[in-house]
Structures are given as structure tokens and as C-alpha cells.
Amino acid sequence: MLNGVTSDLERYMDLLSARQKLVASNIANADTPGYKTQDIDFQFEFATLTQGELPQTIQPDGLVEKPDGNNVNIDREARLLAENQMRFNLASVLVKDQLKTVQEAIQGGTSS
């Protein structure tokens, strides 16, 4: 069970890292003519847990395209950065708790 939970948390954190890179790229290209916002279908990717494969990127629907063809929305990207950070922090706490449980089991259930 512990290995499964830890493995899922690792995959979750990998997805968060991939999304963070995409959001940063979107922000960096906010003024690039013709650039299209990239994202990850986060729920689908986590549900399938395709080990070892890079997550598939998507182009989100409903974004307003500027006259130069770029559709990056800085407000959306900033929200995604904040959301991603909160998720990553939560996953980090969960991993830390898992490791603490293992350490306590090794030490015979006593903290030193």
C-alpha cells in the first residue's frame, strides 16, 4: 500500500512539475504572435497514471485570441501557477508524512 501511495504521489508531483513548465512557457510567450496556450488535461493524466511517459499537452478551449493569433491569458496563467504551487505543497506534505511513517516503523514505532 505504501509503495502504491508513494508512487501515485510521485506521479502527481511529476504532473505538477510538467504543468509548471508549460505555464511558465505560456507566460514567456504571452507576446509571441501566433503562440497558442498549452496545458495538460490534469485529471485525465492523473487518472491514467501513464508511467514513464510525458503527459500529453492540450490547447484549452475558450481562450480569447488576440489579433496576432496569441491566446495566452496572463490572469489564467497566474491562477494556474498559484494552484499548482498549492497542489505541490500538499503533495510534498503527504510524501513527508509517508516517509515519517516508514521511519517510525523502522525505529519500532518510537520517535527519537
Protein backbone atom coordinates (compact mmCIF):
# COMPACT_ATOMS: atom_id res chain seq x y z
CA MET A 1 0.00 0.00 0.00
CA LEU A 2 2.73 2.46 0.98
CA ASN A 3 4.57 1.86 -2.27
CA GLY A 4 1.36 2.48 -4.26
CA VAL A 5 0.58 5.70 -2.43
CA THR A 6 4.16 6.94 -2.75
CA SER A 7 4.20 6.01 -6.43
CA ASP A 8 0.95 7.90 -7.05
CA LEU A 9 2.27 10.94 -5.18
CA GLU A 10 5.46 10.81 -7.24
CA ARG A 11 3.45 10.73 -10.47
CA TYR A 12 1.23 13.55 -9.20
CA MET A 13 4.29 15.67 -8.44
CA ASP A 14 5.72 14.87 -11.90
CA LEU A 15 2.48 16.10 -13.47
CA LEU A 16 2.60 19.26 -11.38
CA SER A 17 6.17 19.86 -12.49
CA ALA A 18 5.25 19.35 -16.16
CA ARG A 19 2.31 21.73 -15.81
CA GLN A 20 4.52 24.32 -14.09
CA LYS A 21 6.89 24.24 -17.07
CA LEU A 22 4.02 24.65 -19.53
CA VAL A 23 2.52 27.57 -17.62
CA ALA A 24 5.93 29.25 -17.42
CA SER A 25 6.32 28.76 -21.17
CA ASN A 26 2.87 30.23 -21.76
CA ILE A 27 3.79 33.31 -19.75
CA ALA A 28 7.13 33.64 -21.52
CA ASN A 29 5.32 33.55 -24.86
CA ALA A 30 2.50 35.92 -23.92
CA ASP A 31 3.68 38.40 -26.58
CA THR A 32 4.72 35.86 -29.24
CA PRO A 33 2.48 36.24 -32.30
CA GLY A 34 0.58 33.07 -33.10
CA TYR A 35 1.56 31.28 -29.88
CA LYS A 36 -1.19 29.00 -28.55
CA THR A 37 -1.58 28.28 -24.84
CA GLN A 38 -0.53 24.77 -23.82
CA ASP A 39 -1.80 22.84 -20.81
CA ILE A 40 -2.27 19.31 -19.51
CA ASP A 41 -5.58 17.54 -19.08
CA PHE A 42 -4.60 17.07 -15.46
CA GLN A 43 -7.47 14.86 -14.33
CA PHE A 44 -7.12 12.53 -17.32
CA GLU A 45 -3.35 12.23 -16.97
CA PHE A 46 -3.50 11.52 -13.23
CA ALA A 47 -6.33 9.03 -13.66
CA THR A 48 -4.41 7.06 -16.27
CA LEU A 49 -1.04 7.31 -14.50
CA THR A 50 0.92 6.54 -17.66
CA GLN A 51 4.24 5.68 -16.04
CA GLY A 52 7.36 6.93 -17.74
CA GLU A 53 5.55 8.85 -20.46
CA LEU A 54 5.40 12.59 -20.76
CA PRO A 55 1.88 13.93 -20.29
CA GLN A 56 0.01 14.89 -23.43
CA THR A 57 -0.43 18.62 -23.90
CA ILE A 58 -3.70 20.17 -24.95
CA GLN A 59 -4.80 23.58 -26.16
CA PRO A 60 -7.50 24.79 -23.76
CA ASP A 61 -10.81 25.80 -25.30
CA GLY A 62 -12.48 29.16 -24.85
CA LEU A 63 -9.42 31.40 -24.71
CA VAL A 64 -9.73 34.74 -26.49
CA GLU A 65 -7.32 35.08 -29.38
CA LYS A 66 -5.60 38.43 -29.86
CA PRO A 67 -5.25 39.94 -33.34
CA ASP A 68 -1.74 38.47 -33.62
CA GLY A 69 -3.11 34.94 -33.04
CA ASN A 70 -1.77 34.61 -29.49
CA ASN A 71 -4.28 33.39 -26.90
CA VAL A 72 -2.26 33.49 -23.64
CA ASN A 73 -4.29 34.93 -20.76
CA ILE A 74 -1.86 36.13 -18.07
CA ASP A 75 -4.57 36.09 -15.37
CA ARG A 76 -5.36 32.44 -16.14
CA GLU A 77 -1.69 31.51 -16.12
CA ALA A 78 -1.07 33.29 -12.81
CA ARG A 79 -4.02 31.41 -11.30
CA LEU A 80 -2.63 28.12 -12.60
CA LEU A 81 0.79 28.91 -11.10
CA ALA A 82 -0.76 29.57 -7.69
CA GLU A 83 -2.98 26.48 -7.91
CA ASN A 84 -0.03 24.34 -8.96
CA GLN A 85 2.08 25.62 -6.07
CA MET A 86 -0.66 24.77 -3.56
CA ARG A 87 -1.03 21.28 -5.01
CA PHE A 88 2.72 20.69 -4.98
CA ASN A 89 2.98 21.86 -1.36
CA LEU A 90 0.19 19.47 -0.36
CA ALA A 91 1.84 16.56 -2.20
CA SER A 92 5.15 17.38 -0.50
CA VAL A 93 3.50 17.24 2.92
CA LEU A 94 1.91 13.90 2.07
CA VAL A 95 5.24 12.46 0.92
CA LYS A 96 6.90 13.74 4.09
CA ASP A 97 4.19 12.08 6.19
CA GLN A 98 4.69 8.79 4.31
CA LEU A 99 8.43 8.93 4.92
CA LYS A 100 7.86 9.73 8.61
CA THR A 101 5.60 6.68 8.89
CA VAL A 102 8.29 4.47 7.38
CA GLN A 103 10.94 5.94 9.67
CA GLU A 104 8.75 5.32 12.73
CA ALA A 105 8.14 1.73 11.62
CA ILE A 106 11.86 1.16 11.24
CA GLN A 107 12.50 2.63 14.69
CA GLY A 108 9.89 0.39 16.23
CA GLY A 109 7.16 3.00 16.48
CA THR A 110 9.10 5.36 18.73
CA SER A 111 10.29 8.81 17.82
CA SER A 112 13.77 9.85 18.85
